[in-house]
PDB file of N, CA and C in Angstrom:
ATOM      1  N   UNK A   1       0.837  -1.187   0.000  1.00  0.00           N
ATOM      2  CA  UNK A   1       0.000   0.000   0.000  1.00  0.00           C
ATOM      3  C   UNK A   1       0.878   1.244   0.000  1.00  0.00           C
ATOM      4  N   UNK A   2       0.628   2.125  -0.951  1.00  0.00           N
ATOM      5  CA  UNK A   2       1.438   3.339  -1.062  1.00  0.00           C
ATOM      6  C   UNK A   2       0.987   4.356  -0.034  1.00  0.00           C
ATOM      7  N   UNK A   3       1.951   4.961   0.649  1.00  0.00           N
ATOM      8  CA  UNK A   3       1.649   5.951   1.670  1.00  0.00           C
ATOM      9  C   UNK A   3       1.608   7.333   1.038  1.00  0.00           C
ATOM     10  N   UNK A   4       0.730   8.205   1.528  1.00  0.00           N
ATOM     11  CA  UNK A   4       0.717   9.576   1.013  1.00  0.00           C
ATOM     12  C   UNK A   4       1.992  10.295   1.416  1.00  0.00           C
ATOM     13  N   UNK A   5       2.357  11.327   0.698  1.00  0.00           N
ATOM     14  CA  UNK A   5       3.557  12.087   1.040  1.00  0.00           C
ATOM     15  C   UNK A   5       3.474  12.624   2.463  1.00  0.00           C
ATOM     16  N   UNK A   6       4.629  12.792   3.091  1.00  0.00           N
ATOM     17  CA  UNK A   6       4.707  13.225   4.481  1.00  0.00           C
ATOM     18  C   UNK A   6       4.093  14.604   4.690  1.00  0.00           C
ATOM     19  N   UNK A   7       4.266  15.492   3.740  1.00  0.00           N
ATOM     20  CA  UNK A   7       3.689  16.830   3.851  1.00  0.00           C
ATOM     21  C   UNK A   7       3.375  17.357   2.459  1.00  0.00           C
ATOM     22  N   UNK A   8       2.580  18.396   2.380  1.00  0.00           N
ATOM     23  CA  UNK A   8       2.186  18.917   1.059  1.00  0.00           C
ATOM     24  C   UNK A   8       3.355  19.329   0.185  1.00  0.00           C
ATOM     25  N   UNK A   9       4.417  19.837   0.784  1.00  0.00           N
ATOM     26  CA  UNK A   9       5.539  20.278  -0.039  1.00  0.00           C
ATOM     27  C   UNK A   9       6.221  19.103  -0.721  1.00  0.00           C
ATOM     28  N   UNK A  10       6.247  17.940  -0.079  1.00  0.00           N
ATOM     29  CA  UNK A  10       6.849  16.781  -0.739  1.00  0.00           C
ATOM     30  C   UNK A  10       5.972  16.307  -1.896  1.00  0.00           C
ATOM     31  N   UNK A  11       4.656  16.473  -1.774  1.00  0.00           N
ATOM     32  CA  UNK A  11       3.763  16.142  -2.890  1.00  0.00           C
ATOM     33  C   UNK A  11       4.022  17.084  -4.054  1.00  0.00           C
ATOM     34  N   UNK A  12       4.224  18.360  -3.759  1.00  0.00           N
ATOM     35  CA  UNK A  12       4.505  19.339  -4.808  1.00  0.00           C
ATOM     36  C   UNK A  12       5.820  19.022  -5.498  1.00  0.00           C
ATOM     37  N   UNK A  13       6.810  18.617  -4.736  1.00  0.00           N
ATOM     38  CA  UNK A  13       8.113  18.251  -5.313  1.00  0.00           C
ATOM     39  C   UNK A  13       7.946  17.044  -6.212  1.00  0.00           C
ATOM     40  N   UNK A  14       7.174  16.060  -5.768  1.00  0.00           N
ATOM     41  CA  UNK A  14       6.941  14.854  -6.576  1.00  0.00           C
ATOM     42  C   UNK A  14       6.237  15.214  -7.878  1.00  0.00           C
ATOM     43  N   UNK A  15       5.207  16.069  -7.801  1.00  0.00           N
ATOM     44  CA  UNK A  15       4.497  16.504  -9.007  1.00  0.00           C
ATOM     45  C   UNK A  15       5.432  17.250  -9.950  1.00  0.00           C
ATOM     46  N   UNK A  16       6.286  18.093  -9.384  1.00  0.00           N
ATOM     47  CA  UNK A  16       7.226  18.881 -10.192  1.00  0.00           C
ATOM     48  C   UNK A  16       8.195  17.958 -10.922  1.00  0.00           C
ATOM     49  N   UNK A  17       8.704  16.954 -10.225  1.00  0.00           N
ATOM     50  CA  UNK A  17       9.631  16.006 -10.851  1.00  0.00           C
ATOM     51  C   UNK A  17       8.919  15.254 -11.965  1.00  0.00           C
ATOM     52  N   UNK A  18       7.659  14.870 -11.734  1.00  0.00           N
ATOM     53  CA  UNK A  18       6.895  14.165 -12.765  1.00  0.00           C
ATOM     54  C   UNK A  18       6.734  15.034 -14.012  1.00  0.00           C
ATOM     55  N   UNK A  19       6.430  16.324 -13.820  1.00  0.00           N
ATOM     56  CA  UNK A  19       6.283  17.228 -14.963  1.00  0.00           C
ATOM     57  C   UNK A  19       7.604  17.408 -15.696  1.00  0.00           C
ATOM     58  N   UNK A  20       8.696  17.512 -14.963  1.00  0.00           N
ATOM     59  CA  UNK A  20      10.003  17.706 -15.595  1.00  0.00           C
ATOM     60  C   UNK A  20      10.444  16.475 -16.377  1.00  0.00           C
ATOM     61  N   UNK A  21       9.959  15.308 -15.983  1.00  0.00           N
ATOM     62  CA  UNK A  21      10.350  14.074 -16.658  1.00  0.00           C
ATOM     63  C   UNK A  21       9.537  13.816 -17.928  1.00  0.00           C
ATOM     64  N   UNK A  22       8.442  14.540 -18.092  1.00  0.00           N
ATOM     65  CA  UNK A  22       7.577  14.320 -19.254  1.00  0.00           C
ATOM     66  C   UNK A  22       8.229  14.827 -20.532  1.00  0.00           C
ATOM     67  N   UNK A  23       7.967  14.162 -21.647  1.00  0.00           N
ATOM     68  CA  UNK A  23       8.374  14.721 -22.935  1.00  0.00           C
ATOM     69  C   UNK A  23       7.630  16.041 -23.164  1.00  0.00           C
ATOM     70  N   UNK A  24       8.195  16.895 -23.981  1.00  0.00           N
ATOM     71  CA  UNK A  24       7.643  18.232 -24.200  1.00  0.00           C
ATOM     72  C   UNK A  24       6.175  18.191 -24.616  1.00  0.00           C
ATOM     73  N   UNK A  25       5.839  17.369 -25.585  1.00  0.00           N
ATOM     74  CA  UNK A  25       4.455  17.310 -26.080  1.00  0.00           C
ATOM     75  C   UNK A  25       3.495  16.869 -24.985  1.00  0.00           C
ATOM     76  N   UNK A  26       3.873  15.866 -24.217  1.00  0.00           N
ATOM     77  CA  UNK A  26       3.017  15.384 -23.135  1.00  0.00           C
ATOM     78  C   UNK A  26       2.835  16.458 -22.066  1.00  0.00           C
ATOM     79  N   UNK A  27       3.910  17.172 -21.752  1.00  0.00           N
ATOM     80  CA  UNK A  27       3.841  18.258 -20.769  1.00  0.00           C
ATOM     81  C   UNK A  27       2.850  19.331 -21.221  1.00  0.00           C
ATOM     82  N   UNK A  28       2.971  19.756 -22.479  1.00  0.00           N
ATOM     83  CA  UNK A  28       2.059  20.779 -22.999  1.00  0.00           C
ATOM     84  C   UNK A  28       0.618  20.273 -23.042  1.00  0.00           C
ATOM     85  N   UNK A  29       0.432  19.026 -23.482  1.00  0.00           N
ATOM     86  CA  UNK A  29      -0.912  18.451 -23.542  1.00  0.00           C
ATOM     87  C   UNK A  29      -1.546  18.368 -22.157  1.00  0.00           C
ATOM     88  N   UNK A  30      -0.749  18.138 -21.161  1.00  0.00           N
ATOM     89  CA  UNK A  30      -1.242  17.995 -19.789  1.00  0.00           C
ATOM     90  C   UNK A  30      -1.501  19.339 -19.116  1.00  0.00           C
ATOM     91  N   UNK A  31      -0.684  20.331 -19.401  1.00  0.00           N
ATOM     92  CA  UNK A  31      -0.722  21.563 -18.614  1.00  0.00           C
ATOM     93  C   UNK A  31      -1.254  22.796 -19.342  1.00  0.00           C
ATOM     94  N   UNK A  32      -1.079  22.884 -20.649  1.00  0.00           N
ATOM     95  CA  UNK A  32      -1.380  24.128 -21.355  1.00  0.00           C
ATOM     96  C   UNK A  32      -2.484  23.975 -22.401  1.00  0.00           C
ATOM     97  N   UNK A  33      -2.439  22.932 -23.163  1.00  0.00           N
ATOM     98  CA  UNK A  33      -3.355  22.784 -24.301  1.00  0.00           C
ATOM     99  C   UNK A  33      -4.831  22.861 -23.898  1.00  0.00           C
ATOM    100  N   UNK A  34      -5.271  22.220 -22.821  1.00  0.00           N
ATOM    101  CA  UNK A  34      -6.703  22.292 -22.501  1.00  0.00           C
ATOM    102  C   UNK A  34      -7.212  23.724 -22.290  1.00  0.00           C
ATOM    103  N   UNK A  35      -6.492  24.535 -21.557  1.00  0.00           N
ATOM    104  CA  UNK A  35      -6.949  25.902 -21.293  1.00  0.00           C
ATOM    105  C   UNK A  35      -6.826  26.770 -22.546  1.00  0.00           C
ATOM    106  N   UNK A  36      -5.811  26.523 -23.367  1.00  0.00           N
ATOM    107  CA  UNK A  36      -5.676  27.283 -24.617  1.00  0.00           C
ATOM    108  C   UNK A  36      -6.836  26.948 -25.553  1.00  0.00           C
ATOM    109  N   UNK A  37      -7.208  25.675 -25.616  1.00  0.00           N
ATOM    110  CA  UNK A  37      -8.332  25.279 -26.467  1.00  0.00           C
ATOM    111  C   UNK A  37      -9.640  25.909 -25.985  1.00  0.00           C
ATOM    112  N   UNK A  38      -9.833  25.979 -24.672  1.00  0.00           N
ATOM    113  CA  UNK A  38     -11.023  26.638 -24.136  1.00  0.00           C
ATOM    114  C   UNK A  38     -11.015  28.122 -24.515  1.00  0.00           C
ATOM    115  N   UNK A  39      -9.855  28.733 -24.415  1.00  0.00           N
ATOM    116  CA  UNK A  39      -9.726  30.145 -24.777  1.00  0.00           C
ATOM    117  C   UNK A  39     -10.003  30.383 -26.245  1.00  0.00           C
ATOM    118  N   UNK A  40      -9.509  29.496 -27.092  1.00  0.00           N
ATOM    119  CA  UNK A  40      -9.751  29.641 -28.526  1.00  0.00           C
ATOM    120  C   UNK A  40     -11.228  29.451 -28.858  1.00  0.00           C
ATOM    121  N   UNK A  41     -11.880  28.526 -28.169  1.00  0.00           N
ATOM    122  CA  UNK A  41     -13.315  28.324 -28.389  1.00  0.00           C
ATOM    123  C   UNK A  41     -14.098  29.579 -27.990  1.00  0.00           C
ATOM    124  N   UNK A  42     -13.731  30.170 -26.865  1.00  0.00           N
ATOM    125  CA  UNK A  42     -14.389  31.409 -26.427  1.00  0.00           C
ATOM    126  C   UNK A  42     -14.106  32.537 -27.415  1.00  0.00           C
ATOM    127  N   UNK A  43     -12.885  32.577 -27.921  1.00  0.00           N
ATOM    128  CA  UNK A  43     -12.483  33.608 -28.875  1.00  0.00           C
ATOM    129  C   UNK A  43     -13.321  33.527 -30.149  1.00  0.00           C
ATOM    130  N   UNK A  44     -13.536  32.320 -30.640  1.00  0.00           N
ATOM    131  CA  UNK A  44     -14.321  32.130 -31.864  1.00  0.00           C
ATOM    132  C   UNK A  44     -15.770  32.564 -31.643  1.00  0.00           C
ATOM    133  N   UNK A  45     -16.309  32.276 -30.468  1.00  0.00           N
ATOM    134  CA  UNK A  45     -17.690  32.679 -30.181  1.00  0.00           C
ATOM    135  C   UNK A  45     -17.819  34.193 -30.054  1.00  0.00           C
ATOM    136  N   UNK A  46     -16.878  34.812 -29.366  1.00  0.00           N
ATOM    137  CA  UNK A  46     -16.943  36.255 -29.105  1.00  0.00           C
ATOM    138  C   UNK A  46     -16.517  37.100 -30.307  1.00  0.00           C
ATOM    139  N   UNK A  47     -15.518  36.622 -31.035  1.00  0.00           N
ATOM    140  CA  UNK A  47     -14.923  37.357 -32.155  1.00  0.00           C
ATOM    141  C   UNK A  47     -14.603  38.811 -31.782  1.00  0.00           C
ATOM    142  N   UNK A  48     -13.753  38.983 -30.752  1.00  0.00           N
ATOM    143  CA  UNK A  48     -13.441  40.337 -30.292  1.00  0.00           C
ATOM    144  C   UNK A  48     -12.589  41.098 -31.298  1.00  0.00           C
ATOM    145  N   UNK A  49     -12.582  42.412 -31.141  1.00  0.00           N
ATOM    146  CA  UNK A  49     -11.793  43.272 -32.020  1.00  0.00           C
ATOM    147  C   UNK A  49     -10.295  43.002 -31.860  1.00  0.00           C
ATOM    148  N   UNK A  50      -9.856  42.716 -30.641  1.00  0.00           N
ATOM    149  CA  UNK A  50      -8.449  42.420 -30.379  1.00  0.00           C
ATOM    150  C   UNK A  50      -8.343  40.989 -29.846  1.00  0.00           C
ATOM    151  N   UNK A  51      -8.235  39.999 -30.740  1.00  0.00           N
ATOM    152  CA  UNK A  51      -8.258  38.603 -30.317  1.00  0.00           C
ATOM    153  C   UNK A  51      -7.065  38.196 -29.449  1.00  0.00           C
ATOM    154  N   UNK A  52      -5.909  38.777 -29.685  1.00  0.00           N
ATOM    155  CA  UNK A  52      -4.735  38.412 -28.885  1.00  0.00           C
ATOM    156  C   UNK A  52      -4.925  38.872 -27.441  1.00  0.00           C
ATOM    157  N   UNK A  53      -5.407  40.089 -27.277  1.00  0.00           N
ATOM    158  CA  UNK A  53      -5.668  40.600 -25.930  1.00  0.00           C
ATOM    159  C   UNK A  53      -6.749  39.761 -25.248  1.00  0.00           C
ATOM    160  N   UNK A  54      -7.801  39.419 -25.976  1.00  0.00           N
ATOM    161  CA  UNK A  54      -8.881  38.602 -25.430  1.00  0.00           C
ATOM    162  C   UNK A  54      -8.342  37.272 -24.926  1.00  0.00           C
ATOM    163  N   UNK A  55      -7.537  36.608 -25.763  1.00  0.00           N
ATOM    164  CA  UNK A  55      -6.993  35.309 -25.378  1.00  0.00           C
ATOM    165  C   UNK A  55      -6.067  35.439 -24.173  1.00  0.00           C
ATOM    166  N   UNK A  56      -5.234  36.456 -24.169  1.00  0.00           N
ATOM    167  CA  UNK A  56      -4.341  36.670 -23.033  1.00  0.00           C
ATOM    168  C   UNK A  56      -5.105  36.879 -21.737  1.00  0.00           C
ATOM    169  N   UNK A  57      -6.139  37.705 -21.789  1.00  0.00           N
ATOM    170  CA  UNK A  57      -6.946  37.951 -20.595  1.00  0.00           C
ATOM    171  C   UNK A  57      -7.686  36.692 -20.163  1.00  0.00           C
ATOM    172  N   UNK A  58      -8.176  35.921 -21.130  1.00  0.00           N
ATOM    173  CA  UNK A  58      -8.852  34.665 -20.818  1.00  0.00           C
ATOM    174  C   UNK A  58      -7.903  33.724 -20.087  1.00  0.00           C
ATOM    175  N   UNK A  59      -6.694  33.588 -20.616  1.00  0.00           N
ATOM    176  CA  UNK A  59      -5.721  32.684 -19.996  1.00  0.00           C
ATOM    177  C   UNK A  59      -5.354  33.139 -18.588  1.00  0.00           C
ATOM    178  N   UNK A  60      -5.146  34.422 -18.403  1.00  0.00           N
ATOM    179  CA  UNK A  60      -4.814  34.928 -17.068  1.00  0.00           C
ATOM    180  C   UNK A  60      -5.962  34.698 -16.088  1.00  0.00           C
ATOM    181  N   UNK A  61      -7.172  34.957 -16.528  1.00  0.00           N
ATOM    182  CA  UNK A  61      -8.330  34.791 -15.662  1.00  0.00           C
ATOM    183  C   UNK A  61      -8.540  33.330 -15.279  1.00  0.00           C
ATOM    184  N   UNK A  62      -8.425  32.443 -16.250  1.00  0.00           N
ATOM    185  CA  UNK A  62      -8.733  31.039 -16.010  1.00  0.00           C
ATOM    186  C   UNK A  62      -7.558  30.228 -15.479  1.00  0.00           C
ATOM    187  N   UNK A  63      -6.356  30.738 -15.574  1.00  0.00           N
ATOM    188  CA  UNK A  63      -5.204  29.989 -15.058  1.00  0.00           C
ATOM    189  C   UNK A  63      -5.223  29.931 -13.539  1.00  0.00           C
ATOM    190  N   UNK A  64      -5.916  30.847 -12.897  1.00  0.00           N
ATOM    191  CA  UNK A  64      -5.968  30.876 -11.438  1.00  0.00           C
ATOM    192  C   UNK A  64      -7.074  29.987 -10.886  1.00  0.00           C
ATOM    193  N   UNK A  65      -7.858  29.369 -11.750  1.00  0.00           N
ATOM    194  CA  UNK A  65      -8.961  28.502 -11.319  1.00  0.00           C
ATOM    195  C   UNK A  65      -8.536  27.046 -11.220  1.00  0.00           C
ATOM    196  N   UNK A  66      -7.280  26.793 -11.126  1.00  0.00           N
ATOM    197  CA  UNK A  66      -6.767  25.432 -11.106  1.00  0.00           C
ATOM    198  C   UNK A  66      -7.060  24.713  -9.837  1.00  0.00           C
TER     199      UNK A  66
END
């Protein structure tokens, strides 16, 4: 039976090591692509005058909802 990490910081270190060990494509697919795709879908629906600014603001707003 696997024991949980001794404290939250050791869990964070373990997660960080796992992310660093991933190939580049897998890392992006796991961490960035889902939120970028959501942003692009919102961008297509809204069709704002400044799409780059819209996407940037979307990513900043939604990146904190993790």
